[in-house]
Amino acid sequence: MIFPKSYVGGQAVLASVIFLVLLSVIIIGGFATPLTRQLKSVRAALNSRQSYFAAESGVEDAAYRLKKKMPYSAAYELAVAEAVTAVAVSEILNDRLIESSGAFNNHQRKISMRFNLSESGADLLYGVQVSDGGLEMKNGSTVNGNVYSNGSILGSGSGSGGPKITGDTIVAGGLNADPSVEWTVQNTDFAFASTSASRDIAQSFTVNAADKLNRAAVFLAKVGNPGNLTLHITDDNNGKPNNSSLASAVINAANVGATASWINVSFVSPPNLSNGVKYWIVLDASADSPVNHWNWRGDSFDGYTGNTGRYTNRWDTGGASWTDAGGDLAFRVWLGGVSTKIEGVRIGNADDTDGDGYANLFNDVKIRGAACPNDYCHLDNPARAELPISGGLIQDWRDAAFAGGVCAEPVCDSSGNLTLGTNDALTLGPLKIPGDLIMNSGSKLTLNGTIWVGGVMNLSCGNNGLISLTAGYGATSGVLLGDGNVTISNNCKFDGSGEADSYIILLSAKNAPTQEVMNIDNNSAGVIYYAGQGKIKFSNNATAKEATAYGLIMDNGATITYEEGIGSILFSSGPGGAFEIESWREVE
């Protein structure tokens, strides 16, 4: 058939168009395929990155809870935007291992952090930490920071202008005044962790009631600079400790003195014990050394009927061979407790976006602007938090001051009292002042070492009066220690060495739990107050960086403002113990 030329020309044009279209498709496809792959790769990278951020958020959340001693679960989930992360916290000897697995759009990343309980810093982790004496707040007093109390927090009312705590507020269950079971006879030291055969040591005890074990105490001293201990509570296994733990807690070596004293330990999950049943307190050392080890004071006559002390090289192995220690080891245990509560206060920051309460009972409490009950009033039974500075450490500070000499005439008077008159200035320390320390208006005292005051301290050093540390302290902090009552008034100013995180710790060692052993009527903010066996009272706009006491009273606008980082405060000598990050890495 013969087609017209126009028909043949149309076919040629159509074929050219089809060819060009196919060519364009091929060319576009050549560009689109790698572009599509690249888009998928970018999307996968974004999903992976979102998973990583979620995992990192989980690690940081758990680390913050550990560092601040906030309640946490061994395993929990955390939502981060549209992603979610599963967090697990486990104990490895004296460390805490945090593992966080973030997931987003079928992508998963995992981060691991290991926390180590170091020996570098004192464990002052709250704006206010109070033991069983509790916290009483009146007339507009404020804590800017977290509060942890083993006793009730009682305020004058949650209405406008009432007392306020801006951070998390935690009240644990209280203890009975006296231990439930104890053996306190002490006539010798039982050394352990000095050899591999004596690395771990244990003392049995028989329970006299069925209840929770909320606190244990051991009479302990360290030799040299040993590692941390872990205290375990175990069942009895045919006259020796079982190789599994009912509960455990870390004893920070930096909080134990070379002088023996009672070291109190509480448990995150207190175990239930049965009446008439034998249990064991096991002290598990991480290493042994002839120069860096431990002494547990006790009774060489083995007078605690039906019970005794034993030691071994590794307590948690099934075939552990236990040897009699030759006596009983001094201990105390507290079963059960007393009811506690939060009452008559406001909790939350200025815009009511932060701040939670944890307690067994809330009465007339507002959290984040709303009355309890609400989502931020957590009915809980938080673990106790024991005070960090032991009696042994305080005695070590006394010994360090005494080694520097005893104040005598003409610096002190014939009765051993030191009085700084108006505008007087002295640099002292280490030194024991056997009598009283009295400071008057404009006077200045500079610490060149620990100062121990055997009597009372009456510090009324207004009009530019100052207590400070010499520059030689650097980034560490110094101690002004008194055995009697302490009164501070008239705007006495406190300064550290001039470097960041250097403070003066003003400490009363007076053993009078029901008395006000420190009375602070003072606007100074450069000092940390500590009274582990008595009450501190703040009044009339008094301020502080941190306060730790058996009991605390705040009145007439008193304010405590906590600084981040104070938890790792260093001393020129004495206690330490803050968590430090040992490793942080992504894992497969």
Foldseek 3Di string as FASTA:
>chain_A
DDDDPVVVVVVVVVVVVVVVVVVVCVVVVVVVVVVVVVVVVVVVVVQQVVQVVQQVVLVVVVVVCVQLVHDDDQWDKDDDPPKIKIWGWDDDFQKIKIKIWIGGPRHIFIKIFIKHWDFFFFQFRWQEEAEQQEEEEEQQEEEETEYEYQFAYAWPFADPRTYEYAAAYEYAFAFDPAFQDWDADFDDWQWALQDLFFQKKKKKDAGAAWFWWFKKKFFKAKFDAFAKKKKFKAFDDPQAGALDGQFIDIDGNQQHANHTFIDMDGTQDTGTDHHGGMMMIMIHGPHGHNRTTMIFTFDLVQPPPPMAMWGGNHRNDPPTDIDGSNHGGTMGITGDGHAYEYERYEYHRPQLPHYAYEGQYYYNYHHSRHDPPDPRDHNHNGRHDADRHTPNLVVVQVVQLPVVHEDDPPQADNVQEHEADALAEDEDDSYERQAEYEYEANYEYEYAAEYEYAYEYEAQHAPNYEYEYALVCPLAEHEHEYAFAYEHEHAYEYYYHPHPLYAYEYEYAHQDADAARYEYAHQYARYEYEAARYEHEYEPQHEYQHYYYNYYYYYHHHYYYHDPPNSQHGHPDGGGIGMDIPDMGIDD
